[in-house]
Amino acid sequence: MTLKTPLQCVELQFEAYNQRDLPRFLTAFADNVRSFRLPDMTLMIDGKAAYGEFYASQRFSHAGLRAELLNRMVIGNKVIDHELIHGLGPEPIETAVMFVVEEGLITTVFAIPAKSPL
């Protein structure tokens, strides 16, 4: 099996996210994936099973959910997306997401919201 490049890995999760295809979405992530919110390094999700539970109940349950890619950078094994997330509220949510990819799977995700959470 050929390992996915960091770009291929992130593209796969992005497409599956927009299709709300949870099984396919999860194939891009390592079992020990961890997600943090910056700048305070709050651990948001710990592990692939928790990822599945969160996205099934908190994201993919929204019929209008979709991510709009504004910009993407690849720097070594890191991919940084600038996105607008539609369908979670009345206005899109602007965010940046940095994915760290190791051995063909996303191991760490850093979410950088444009606005600080209340």
Protein backbone atom coordinates (compact mmCIF):
# COMPACT_ATOMS: atom_id res chain seq x y z
CA MET A 1 0.00 0.00 0.00
CA THR A 2 1.35 3.41 -0.97
CA LEU A 3 1.29 6.03 1.75
CA LYS A 4 -0.73 9.13 1.03
CA THR A 5 1.14 12.41 0.81
CA PRO A 6 0.14 15.09 3.34
CA LEU A 7 -1.80 16.89 0.58
CA GLN A 8 -3.63 13.72 -0.51
CA CYS A 9 -4.53 12.95 3.10
CA VAL A 10 -5.97 16.40 3.75
CA GLU A 11 -7.80 16.46 0.40
CA LEU A 12 -9.42 13.11 1.27
CA GLN A 13 -10.68 14.33 4.66
CA PHE A 14 -11.86 17.64 3.12
CA GLU A 15 -13.90 15.91 0.41
CA ALA A 16 -15.36 13.40 2.86
CA TYR A 17 -16.22 16.23 5.29
CA ASN A 18 -18.18 18.05 2.60
CA GLN A 19 -19.99 14.82 1.69
CA ARG A 20 -20.60 14.09 5.40
CA ASP A 21 -19.14 10.62 4.76
CA LEU A 22 -17.94 9.69 8.24
CA PRO A 23 -16.36 6.29 7.43
CA ARG A 24 -14.35 7.78 4.56
CA PHE A 25 -13.50 10.89 6.61
CA LEU A 26 -12.05 8.77 9.40
CA THR A 27 -9.74 6.86 7.03
CA ALA A 28 -7.54 9.98 6.85
CA PHE A 29 -6.80 9.95 10.60
CA ALA A 30 -4.43 7.94 12.78
CA ASP A 31 -5.92 6.02 15.70
CA ASN A 32 -4.14 8.34 18.14
CA VAL A 33 -5.11 11.62 16.42
CA ARG A 34 -5.39 14.63 18.69
CA SER A 35 -7.06 17.95 17.95
CA PHE A 36 -6.15 21.21 19.68
CA ARG A 37 -7.55 24.73 19.59
CA LEU A 38 -4.92 27.48 19.34
CA PRO A 39 -3.63 29.70 20.75
CA ASP A 40 -4.36 28.16 24.19
CA MET A 41 -3.62 24.53 23.12
CA THR A 42 -6.97 23.30 24.46
CA LEU A 43 -7.28 19.58 23.70
CA MET A 44 -10.58 19.28 21.83
CA ILE A 45 -10.61 15.65 20.64
CA ASP A 46 -8.36 12.76 21.68
CA GLY A 47 -8.36 9.63 19.51
CA LYS A 48 -10.01 8.42 16.33
CA ALA A 49 -13.04 6.99 18.17
CA ALA A 50 -13.66 10.37 19.82
CA TYR A 51 -13.25 12.02 16.41
CA GLY A 52 -15.97 9.77 15.00
CA GLU A 53 -18.32 10.47 17.89
CA PHE A 54 -17.77 14.24 17.69
CA TYR A 55 -18.23 14.52 13.93
CA ALA A 56 -21.26 12.19 13.92
CA SER A 57 -23.08 14.15 16.64
CA GLN A 58 -21.72 17.71 16.35
CA ARG A 59 -20.94 18.23 12.66
CA PHE A 60 -22.30 15.74 10.15
CA SER A 61 -25.77 16.00 11.70
CA HIS A 62 -26.06 19.52 10.18
CA ALA A 63 -27.65 19.19 6.73
CA GLY A 64 -26.12 22.44 5.45
CA LEU A 65 -22.59 21.68 6.63
CA ARG A 66 -19.80 22.39 4.16
CA ALA A 67 -16.30 23.77 4.23
CA GLU A 68 -15.23 26.36 1.70
CA LEU A 69 -11.50 26.34 1.04
CA LEU A 70 -10.10 29.86 0.76
CA ASN A 71 -6.40 29.00 0.72
CA ARG A 72 -4.11 26.00 1.28
CA MET A 73 -0.40 25.75 2.01
CA VAL A 74 1.76 22.64 2.19
CA ILE A 75 4.92 22.89 4.26
CA GLY A 76 6.67 19.54 4.59
CA ASN A 77 4.34 17.18 6.44
CA LYS A 78 1.99 20.00 7.42
CA VAL A 79 -1.00 21.30 5.49
CA ILE A 80 -2.65 24.57 6.49
CA ASP A 81 -6.17 25.33 5.26
CA HIS A 82 -7.94 28.69 5.54
CA GLU A 83 -11.65 27.85 5.49
CA LEU A 84 -15.15 29.15 5.91
CA ILE A 85 -17.39 26.60 7.62
CA HIS A 86 -21.02 26.91 6.54
CA GLY A 87 -24.07 25.36 8.17
CA LEU A 88 -23.25 25.51 11.87
CA GLY A 89 -24.96 28.84 12.44
CA PRO A 90 -26.46 31.77 10.56
CA GLU A 91 -23.03 33.07 9.46
CA PRO A 92 -20.02 31.14 8.17
CA ILE A 93 -17.23 30.52 10.67
CA GLU A 94 -13.78 31.57 9.52
CA THR A 95 -10.95 29.33 10.68
CA ALA A 96 -7.52 28.03 9.84
CA VAL A 97 -6.66 24.39 10.37
CA MET A 98 -3.17 22.92 10.43
CA PHE A 99 -2.93 19.18 9.83
CA VAL A 100 0.22 17.26 10.74
CA VAL A 101 0.57 14.07 8.66
CA GLU A 102 2.84 11.19 9.60
CA GLU A 103 3.12 7.91 7.68
CA GLY A 104 0.16 8.82 5.49
CA LEU A 105 -2.32 9.67 8.25
CA ILE A 106 -3.32 12.85 10.07
CA THR A 107 -1.91 12.65 13.61
CA THR A 108 -2.47 16.16 14.93
CA VAL A 109 -4.94 18.92 14.08
CA PHE A 110 -4.60 22.53 15.23
CA ALA A 111 -7.73 24.69 14.83
CA ILE A 112 -7.17 28.43 14.78
CA PRO A 113 -10.48 30.29 14.99
CA ALA A 114 -10.62 33.79 13.50
CA LYS A 115 -12.61 34.90 16.53
CA SER A 116 -11.84 33.75 20.06
CA PRO A 117 -14.55 31.59 21.61
CA LEU A 118 -16.67 33.31 24.25
